[in-house]
C-alpha atoms as a PDB file:
ATOM      1  CA  MET A   1      11.351 -19.339  -2.669  1.00  0.00           C
ATOM      2  CA  ASN A   2       9.635 -16.564  -4.802  1.00  0.00           C
ATOM      3  CA  HIS A   3       6.945 -14.308  -4.020  1.00  0.00           C
ATOM      4  CA  ARG A   4       4.315 -15.887  -6.005  1.00  0.00           C
ATOM      5  CA  GLN A   5       5.442 -19.709  -3.830  1.00  0.00           C
ATOM      6  CA  GLN A   6       5.613 -17.678  -0.766  1.00  0.00           C
ATOM      7  CA  LEU A   7       2.215 -16.060  -0.751  1.00  0.00           C
ATOM      8  CA  ILE A   8       0.781 -19.555  -1.812  1.00  0.00           C
ATOM      9  CA  GLN A   9       2.014 -21.107   0.965  1.00  0.00           C
ATOM     10  CA  GLU A  10       0.466 -18.880   3.222  1.00  0.00           C
ATOM     11  CA  LEU A  11      -2.551 -18.531   1.726  1.00  0.00           C
ATOM     12  CA  GLU A  12      -3.107 -22.002   1.889  1.00  0.00           C
ATOM     13  CA  GLN A  13      -2.784 -21.678   5.643  1.00  0.00           C
ATOM     14  CA  ALA A  14      -5.271 -18.191   6.047  1.00  0.00           C
ATOM     15  CA  PRO A  15      -8.542 -18.959   7.143  1.00  0.00           C
ATOM     16  CA  ASP A  16     -11.426 -18.741   4.877  1.00  0.00           C
ATOM     17  CA  ASP A  17     -12.461 -14.666   6.098  1.00  0.00           C
ATOM     18  CA  LEU A  18      -8.936 -13.406   5.197  1.00  0.00           C
ATOM     19  CA  ILE A  19      -8.508 -15.563   1.979  1.00  0.00           C
ATOM     20  CA  GLU A  20     -11.923 -13.364   1.136  1.00  0.00           C
ATOM     21  CA  THR A  21     -10.500  -9.892   2.237  1.00  0.00           C
ATOM     22  CA  VAL A  22      -7.195 -10.748  -0.115  1.00  0.00           C
ATOM     23  CA  LEU A  23      -9.180 -11.753  -3.044  1.00  0.00           C
ATOM     24  CA  ASP A  24     -11.262  -8.716  -2.755  1.00  0.00           C
ATOM     25  CA  PHE A  25      -7.995  -6.413  -2.498  1.00  0.00           C
ATOM     26  CA  LEU A  26      -6.524  -8.017  -5.381  1.00  0.00           C
ATOM     27  CA  HIS A  27      -9.610  -7.894  -7.574  1.00  0.00           C
ATOM     28  CA  ARG A  28      -9.828  -3.876  -6.581  1.00  0.00           C
ATOM     29  CA  VAL A  29      -5.954  -3.192  -7.766  1.00  0.00           C
ATOM     30  CA  GLN A  30      -6.490  -5.073 -10.891  1.00  0.00           C
ATOM     31  CA  ALA A  31      -9.771  -3.492 -11.590  1.00  0.00           C
ATOM     32  CA  THR A  32      -7.991   0.344 -10.652  1.00  0.00           C
ATOM     33  CA  GLY A  33      -4.245  -0.181 -10.518  1.00  0.00           C
ATOM     34  CA  ASN A  34      -3.488   0.038 -13.990  1.00  0.00           C
ATOM     35  CA  SER A  35      -6.173   3.342 -14.712  1.00  0.00           C
ATOM     36  CA  HIS A  36      -5.318   5.279 -11.530  1.00  0.00           C
ATOM     37  CA  PRO A  37      -3.005   8.484 -12.597  1.00  0.00           C
ATOM     38  CA  LEU A  38      -0.919   7.878  -9.896  1.00  0.00           C
ATOM     39  CA  ALA A  39      -0.169   3.927 -10.709  1.00  0.00           C
ATOM     40  CA  LYS A  40       2.986   4.383 -12.626  1.00  0.00           C
ATOM     41  CA  PHE A  41       4.461   6.375  -9.649  1.00  0.00           C
ATOM     42  CA  SER A  42       3.618   3.390  -7.336  1.00  0.00           C
ATOM     43  CA  GLY A  43       6.528   1.938  -5.418  1.00  0.00           C
ATOM     44  CA  ILE A  44       9.331   4.270  -6.868  1.00  0.00           C
ATOM     45  CA  LEU A  45      10.898   5.124  -3.666  1.00  0.00           C
ATOM     46  CA  SER A  46      12.462   2.994  -1.194  1.00  0.00           C
ATOM     47  CA  ASP A  47      11.054   2.332   2.344  1.00  0.00           C
ATOM     48  CA  SER A  48      14.205   4.716   3.743  1.00  0.00           C
ATOM     49  CA  GLU A  49      13.162   7.329   0.910  1.00  0.00           C
ATOM     50  CA  ALA A  50       9.614   7.336   1.688  1.00  0.00           C
ATOM     51  CA  GLN A  51      10.327   7.536   6.046  1.00  0.00           C
ATOM     52  CA  GLU A  52      12.853  10.541   5.228  1.00  0.00           C
ATOM     53  CA  LEU A  53       9.959  12.190   2.860  1.00  0.00           C
ATOM     54  CA  GLN A  54       7.796  11.620   5.923  1.00  0.00           C
ATOM     55  CA  GLN A  55      10.386  13.489   8.357  1.00  0.00           C
ATOM     56  CA  ALA A  56      10.723  16.154   6.249  1.00  0.00           C
ATOM     57  CA  ILE A  57       6.893  16.769   5.783  1.00  0.00           C
ATOM     58  CA  LYS A  58       6.507  16.566   9.695  1.00  0.00           C
ATOM     59  CA  THR A  59       9.221  18.856  10.265  1.00  0.00           C
ATOM     60  CA  GLU A  60       9.040  21.298   7.805  1.00  0.00           C
ATOM     61  CA  CYS A  61       5.751  21.756   6.305  1.00  0.00           C
ATOM     62  CA  ARG A  62       3.087  23.960   8.081  1.00  0.00           C
ATOM     63  CA  GLN A  63       0.818  21.748   9.823  1.00  0.00           C
ATOM     64  CA  VAL A  64      -3.343  22.861   9.648  1.00  0.00           C
ATOM     65  CA  ASP A  65      -5.468  22.363  12.797  1.00  0.00           C
ATOM     66  CA  VAL A  66      -9.015  20.773  10.927  1.00  0.00           C
ATOM     67  CA  ASN A  67     -10.301  21.699  14.516  1.00  0.00           C
ATOM     68  CA  GLU A  68      -9.440  25.633  14.321  1.00  0.00           C
ATOM     69  CA  ARG A  69     -11.763  28.146  12.735  1.00  0.00           C
END
C-alpha cells in the first residue's frame, strides 16, 4: 500500500472535524509550500540527522533566557 492509499484509508475512517482540519492544512501547504524560500530544504534531513542536530544545538549553543532583562 502506498502513502496515497494509506491516507485515503485513514481519511475514510476519520471523523468529519478531523477531515476539515486535514483539508485546511493541505490547502495551506499547497498555497505556501512552493513559494516559501525555505521550502526547497524541506525533508533533506533524516530523522536521525535532525535529532543529532537538535542535540548539538542544545549542548553546544549558548542559551538565551527570555526572562532575563
